[in-house]
Amino acid sequence: MLVSVVICSYNRANYIGEALNSLYKQSCALSEFEVIVVDNNSTDNTEDVYTEWRQNHLEGNFSYTTEKHQGASFARNTGAKLSKGNWLCFMDDDAVATYDYISNIIKHIHDKPNAIGFGGRIIPKYIPEEPKWMSYYVSSLVGNFDYAPAACAFENGKYPLESNMIVKKEVYEQIGGFNTALPGVVGTLRIGGEGKELFYKILALGHTIYYDPSICVYHVVEVKKLSSEYMYRVASGIGRGEKTRTLQISTIAYFKKIMEYFFKLGASFILALKYALQLTPAKSWPVIKFRIDALKGLL
């Protein structure tokens, strides 16, 4: 088997079925890939939803397991251990794969035989609609990711996002999988950056990371949940993860990151002014708040 899709799920009973449907209805044969759902200690009826879904969708290689240790890194590592594919594809439980998602992954693997890791486009699916205060710079907090209009190599330290990333299994195992010191979401606490560290380790081995916009998923964003507290948890989680990651490298790396974040905070004021001059002032404060919250997490 070529591709194993690992879906880590935490209290997404309302959306996991749609994610599974999108993979069940792929343009390629179901025998080309497997799907492993890892329930990361959900307290809702995720298991019941999966069981009922599977009873009505008997074809293909779909399986379900649990990981009680909270955090996406633990769950993804569990899914990877159970996988049979040569390539690991990580997709979120509230994402919807496009019709040619797996076919385009396989095509990318064949077109670039030296590839080790790559990722694709993520399009937010706002419910009911995109808020007026949302901007390009803040939308990354809800998974918006569109690196380039055509397939290319990532440059300048850029990397795929966790909800649409693919890596060769043997290299994943070589670098030890996801760093569980960067677990992602643990209750209301976020310590992010697990995907960034994973790909930085791959880059350190001398490999190139690729982007392919044809490998695309839609990511559900419930606008009613985008409260100030929620956005703080996400933004501060990025900073918290960078603190953990850089301190594991050196104190100097951590202080360099602090300087970088202060620079980005300054730049956010310029962006806020730009939005005000463009008569879209609702976008101004969220850009600044994003950088403040990220800096709080870093410090």
Protein backbone atom coordinates (compact mmCIF):
# COMPACT_ATOMS: atom_id res chain seq x y z
CA MET A 1 0.00 0.00 0.00
CA LEU A 2 1.30 3.41 -0.93
CA VAL A 3 -0.53 5.94 1.27
CA SER A 4 -1.82 5.83 4.85
CA VAL A 5 -4.10 8.72 5.84
CA VAL A 6 -4.02 9.41 9.58
CA ILE A 7 -6.90 11.45 10.98
CA CYS A 8 -6.52 12.50 14.61
CA SER A 9 -9.90 13.30 16.13
CA TYR A 10 -10.84 15.12 19.30
CA ASN A 11 -14.52 15.94 19.90
CA ARG A 12 -15.41 16.42 16.23
CA ALA A 13 -18.35 14.03 16.02
CA ASN A 14 -20.24 16.60 13.96
CA TYR A 15 -17.57 16.68 11.25
CA ILE A 16 -15.65 13.40 11.22
CA GLY A 17 -18.31 11.78 9.03
CA GLU A 18 -17.87 14.39 6.29
CA ALA A 19 -14.10 13.94 6.43
CA LEU A 20 -14.50 10.19 6.00
CA ASN A 21 -17.04 10.62 3.19
CA SER A 22 -14.60 12.79 1.26
CA LEU A 23 -11.98 10.04 1.41
CA TYR A 24 -14.46 7.25 0.63
CA LYS A 25 -15.52 9.03 -2.58
CA GLN A 26 -12.04 9.60 -4.01
CA SER A 27 -11.39 9.37 -7.74
CA CYS A 28 -8.84 6.60 -7.22
CA ALA A 29 -9.55 3.03 -6.12
CA LEU A 30 -10.08 2.50 -2.40
CA SER A 31 -7.38 -0.17 -2.51
CA GLU A 32 -4.78 2.55 -3.19
CA PHE A 33 -4.83 3.86 0.39
CA GLU A 34 -5.93 3.27 3.95
CA VAL A 35 -7.47 5.58 6.53
CA ILE A 36 -6.71 5.35 10.25
CA VAL A 37 -8.88 7.38 12.64
CA VAL A 38 -7.17 7.98 15.97
CA ASP A 39 -9.63 9.10 18.64
CA ASN A 40 -7.57 11.26 20.96
CA ASN A 41 -9.60 10.76 24.14
CA SER A 42 -12.81 12.38 22.84
CA THR A 43 -15.63 12.97 25.32
CA ASP A 44 -18.36 13.20 22.67
CA ASN A 45 -19.84 10.40 20.52
CA THR A 46 -17.03 10.30 17.97
CA GLU A 47 -16.71 6.51 18.31
CA ASP A 48 -20.44 5.96 17.75
CA VAL A 49 -20.36 8.20 14.68
CA TYR A 50 -17.44 6.28 13.22
CA THR A 51 -19.03 2.89 13.99
CA GLU A 52 -22.30 3.83 12.30
CA TRP A 53 -20.45 5.36 9.34
CA ARG A 54 -18.37 2.22 8.85
CA GLN A 55 -21.43 -0.02 8.95
CA ASN A 56 -22.77 1.94 5.98
CA HIS A 57 -19.45 2.13 4.12
CA LEU A 58 -18.04 -1.37 4.05
CA GLU A 59 -15.47 -1.05 1.28
CA GLY A 60 -11.91 0.19 1.56
CA ASN A 61 -9.28 0.08 4.29
CA PHE A 62 -10.71 2.13 7.16
CA SER A 63 -9.86 1.52 10.81
CA TYR A 64 -10.37 3.14 14.20
CA THR A 65 -8.20 3.24 17.30
CA THR A 66 -7.79 5.33 20.43
CA GLU A 67 -4.91 7.23 22.01
CA LYS A 68 -5.57 8.26 25.60
CA HIS A 69 -2.49 10.45 25.92
CA GLN A 70 -3.83 13.87 25.03
CA GLY A 71 -2.23 15.77 22.20
CA ALA A 72 -2.14 15.53 18.40
CA SER A 73 1.53 14.52 18.37
CA PHE A 74 0.76 11.44 20.48
CA ALA A 75 -2.24 10.57 18.30
CA ARG A 76 -0.37 11.03 15.02
CA ASN A 77 2.50 8.88 16.24
CA THR A 78 0.02 6.16 17.22
CA GLY A 79 -1.57 6.26 13.77
CA ALA A 80 1.84 6.12 12.12
CA LYS A 81 2.79 2.99 14.09
CA LEU A 82 -0.35 1.22 12.87
CA SER A 83 0.03 2.32 9.27
CA LYS A 84 0.88 -0.03 6.40
CA GLY A 85 1.63 2.57 3.73
CA ASN A 86 5.00 3.79 2.54
CA TRP A 87 3.79 7.37 2.90
CA LEU A 88 2.00 9.02 5.80
CA CYS A 89 -0.65 11.63 5.07
CA PHE A 90 -1.99 13.66 8.00
CA MET A 91 -5.43 15.23 7.68
CA ASP A 92 -7.64 16.94 10.27
CA ASP A 93 -10.95 15.55 11.49
CA ASP A 94 -12.78 18.69 10.34
CA ALA A 95 -11.19 18.76 6.89
CA VAL A 96 -12.80 17.70 3.64
CA ALA A 97 -10.55 16.25 0.94
CA THR A 98 -11.13 17.25 -2.66
CA TYR A 99 -12.16 14.54 -5.15
CA ASP A 100 -8.64 14.01 -6.56
CA TYR A 101 -6.82 14.40 -3.23
CA ILE A 102 -5.30 10.92 -3.04
CA SER A 103 -4.74 10.72 -6.80
CA ASN A 104 -2.77 13.96 -6.70
CA ILE A 105 -0.72 12.73 -3.75
CA ILE A 106 0.17 9.58 -5.69
CA LYS A 107 0.94 11.62 -8.81
CA HIS A 108 3.26 13.87 -6.81
CA ILE A 109 5.08 10.84 -5.40
CA HIS A 110 5.60 9.41 -8.90
CA ASP A 111 6.57 12.77 -10.45
CA LYS A 112 9.16 13.49 -7.75
CA PRO A 113 10.84 10.16 -6.92
CA ASN A 114 13.36 11.92 -4.66
CA ALA A 115 10.68 13.62 -2.58
CA ILE A 116 10.64 12.96 1.16
CA GLY A 117 7.92 15.33 2.34
CA PHE A 118 5.36 17.69 0.88
CA GLY A 119 2.10 19.45 1.60
CA GLY A 120 -0.81 21.10 -0.14
CA ARG A 121 -3.38 23.83 -0.05
CA ILE A 122 -5.89 24.38 2.77
CA ILE A 123 -8.99 26.45 2.07
CA PRO A 124 -11.07 27.65 5.05
CA LYS A 125 -14.75 26.73 4.85
CA TYR A 126 -16.30 29.42 7.02
CA ILE A 127 -19.65 28.62 8.61
CA PRO A 128 -21.75 30.61 7.96
CA GLU A 129 -19.37 33.10 6.25
CA GLU A 130 -15.96 34.73 6.59
CA PRO A 131 -16.01 37.43 9.31
CA LYS A 132 -15.30 41.01 8.26
CA TRP A 133 -12.32 41.22 10.60
CA MET A 134 -10.54 38.25 9.03
CA SER A 135 -7.44 39.04 6.98
CA TYR A 136 -4.78 37.07 5.13
CA TYR A 137 -2.36 37.45 8.04
CA VAL A 138 -4.81 36.26 10.70
CA SER A 139 -6.39 33.51 8.59
CA SER A 140 -3.36 31.28 9.13
CA LEU A 141 -4.72 30.80 12.67
CA VAL A 142 -7.76 29.02 11.19
CA GLY A 143 -5.73 26.93 8.77
CA ASN A 144 -5.72 29.06 5.62
CA PHE A 145 -2.69 28.00 3.58
CA ASP A 146 -1.95 28.84 -0.06
CA TYR A 147 1.81 29.03 -0.50
CA ALA A 148 2.04 29.32 -4.29
CA PRO A 149 -0.17 29.07 -7.41
CA ALA A 150 1.83 26.14 -8.82
CA ALA A 151 3.82 23.20 -7.49
CA CYS A 152 7.24 24.23 -6.19
CA ALA A 153 9.77 23.74 -3.42
CA PHE A 154 9.27 25.52 -0.12
CA GLU A 155 11.83 28.26 0.50
CA ASN A 156 12.98 30.53 3.33
CA GLY A 157 12.06 28.14 6.12
CA LYS A 158 8.45 27.65 5.01
CA TYR A 159 6.77 24.27 5.48
CA PRO A 160 3.38 22.50 5.15
CA LEU A 161 0.70 22.80 7.81
CA GLU A 162 -0.20 19.80 9.93
CA SER A 163 -3.72 19.41 8.53
CA ASN A 164 -2.43 18.63 5.02
CA MET A 165 1.06 17.20 5.14
CA ILE A 166 2.63 14.08 3.66
CA VAL A 167 5.93 12.48 4.63
CA LYS A 168 7.75 9.28 3.70
CA LYS A 169 7.28 6.79 6.52
CA GLU A 170 10.89 5.60 6.71
CA VAL A 171 12.13 9.17 7.15
CA TYR A 172 9.35 9.92 9.65
CA GLU A 173 10.58 6.99 11.71
CA GLN A 174 14.22 8.00 11.22
CA ILE A 175 13.64 11.40 12.84
CA GLY A 176 11.47 9.96 15.61
CA GLY A 177 8.06 11.15 14.43
CA PHE A 178 6.37 14.09 16.09
CA ASN A 179 8.01 15.60 19.15
CA THR A 180 5.58 14.96 22.03
CA ALA A 181 7.02 17.96 23.88
CA LEU A 182 5.03 19.84 21.23
CA PRO A 183 1.73 17.99 21.66
CA GLY A 184 -0.63 20.46 20.02
CA VAL A 185 -3.90 20.80 21.94
CA VAL A 186 -4.06 19.46 25.51
CA GLY A 187 -7.41 20.51 26.96
CA THR A 188 -7.47 24.30 26.63
CA LEU A 189 -3.67 24.56 26.47
CA ARG A 190 -1.90 24.70 23.14
CA ILE A 191 1.76 24.01 22.51
CA GLY A 192 2.00 24.06 18.74
CA GLY A 193 4.71 23.86 16.13
CA GLU A 194 4.96 20.07 15.91
CA GLY A 195 4.74 20.09 12.12
CA LYS A 196 7.32 22.83 11.83
CA GLU A 197 9.83 20.90 13.91
CA LEU A 198 9.18 17.71 11.96
CA PHE A 199 9.91 19.36 8.63
CA TYR A 200 12.88 21.29 10.00
CA LYS A 201 14.39 17.94 10.95
CA ILE A 202 13.79 16.71 7.40
CA LEU A 203 15.40 19.85 5.98
CA ALA A 204 18.37 19.34 8.30
CA LEU A 205 18.94 15.97 6.61
CA GLY A 206 19.43 17.83 3.33
CA HIS A 207 16.05 17.06 1.76
CA THR A 208 13.74 19.42 -0.12
CA ILE A 209 10.15 19.96 0.98
CA TYR A 210 7.58 20.53 -1.75
CA TYR A 211 4.24 22.31 -2.10
CA ASP A 212 1.53 21.18 -4.49
CA PRO A 213 -1.74 23.20 -4.54
CA SER A 214 -3.57 20.37 -6.33
CA ILE A 215 -3.33 18.41 -3.06
CA CYS A 216 -6.15 20.34 -1.47
CA VAL A 217 -8.52 20.11 1.48
CA TYR A 218 -11.25 22.36 2.84
CA HIS A 219 -11.03 23.13 6.54
CA VAL A 220 -14.25 23.80 8.47
CA VAL A 221 -14.19 27.02 10.53
CA GLU A 222 -17.16 27.70 12.79
CA VAL A 223 -17.17 31.48 13.04
CA LYS A 224 -19.14 31.46 16.31
CA LYS A 225 -16.17 29.76 17.98
CA LEU A 226 -13.68 32.43 16.91
CA SER A 227 -13.88 34.32 20.20
CA SER A 228 -11.07 36.47 21.53
CA GLU A 229 -10.23 33.70 24.00
CA TYR A 230 -10.06 31.08 21.25
CA MET A 231 -7.83 33.21 19.04
CA TYR A 232 -5.59 33.86 22.03
CA ARG A 233 -5.21 30.13 22.69
CA VAL A 234 -4.23 29.48 19.09
CA ALA A 235 -1.82 32.43 18.75
CA SER A 236 -0.22 31.96 22.17
CA GLY A 237 0.09 28.25 21.39
CA ILE A 238 2.28 29.12 18.42
CA GLY A 239 4.53 31.20 20.64
CA ARG A 240 4.53 28.56 23.38
CA GLY A 241 5.59 25.95 20.87
CA GLU A 242 8.38 28.13 19.52
CA LYS A 243 9.66 28.64 23.06
CA THR A 244 9.81 24.89 23.62
CA ARG A 245 11.34 24.20 20.22
CA THR A 246 14.03 26.88 20.32
CA LEU A 247 15.04 26.21 23.93
CA GLN A 248 15.67 22.60 22.93
CA ILE A 249 18.18 24.01 20.44
CA SER A 250 19.86 26.67 22.60
CA THR A 251 19.23 29.76 24.71
CA ILE A 252 20.63 31.86 21.88
CA ALA A 253 18.06 30.42 19.46
CA TYR A 254 15.31 31.33 21.93
CA PHE A 255 16.47 34.93 22.30
CA LYS A 256 16.74 35.26 18.51
CA LYS A 257 13.12 34.13 18.28
CA ILE A 258 12.09 36.75 20.85
CA MET A 259 13.76 39.45 18.72
CA GLU A 260 12.00 38.10 15.62
CA TYR A 261 8.62 38.24 17.36
CA PHE A 262 9.15 41.84 18.49
CA PHE A 263 10.00 42.72 14.89
CA LYS A 264 6.79 41.04 13.69
CA LEU A 265 4.82 42.92 16.34
CA GLY A 266 6.17 46.19 14.97
CA ALA A 267 5.29 45.13 11.44
CA SER A 268 1.74 44.34 12.57
CA PHE A 269 1.17 48.02 13.42
CA ILE A 270 2.15 48.96 9.86
CA LEU A 271 -0.26 46.36 8.49
CA ALA A 272 -2.99 47.67 10.78
CA LEU A 273 -2.45 51.17 9.41
CA LYS A 274 -2.61 49.81 5.88
CA TYR A 275 -5.99 48.20 6.54
CA ALA A 276 -7.28 51.41 8.10
CA LEU A 277 -6.22 53.41 5.04
CA GLN A 278 -7.93 50.80 2.84
CA LEU A 279 -11.15 51.51 4.75
CA THR A 280 -11.23 48.04 6.32
CA PRO A 281 -10.48 49.05 9.93
CA ALA A 282 -12.11 45.91 11.33
CA LYS A 283 -9.04 43.99 10.15
CA SER A 284 -6.55 46.25 11.97
CA TRP A 285 -6.73 45.18 15.62
CA PRO A 286 -6.84 41.39 15.02
CA VAL A 287 -3.49 41.62 13.17
CA ILE A 288 -1.88 43.39 16.14
CA LYS A 289 -3.55 41.10 18.68
CA PHE A 290 -2.26 38.02 16.87
CA ARG A 291 1.34 39.19 17.29
CA ILE A 292 0.79 40.27 20.92
CA ASP A 293 -0.75 36.92 21.84
CA ALA A 294 1.99 34.98 20.07
CA LEU A 295 4.62 37.01 21.93
CA LYS A 296 2.89 36.32 25.26
CA GLY A 297 3.11 32.61 24.55
CA LEU A 298 6.77 32.89 23.59
CA LEU A 299 7.63 34.75 26.78
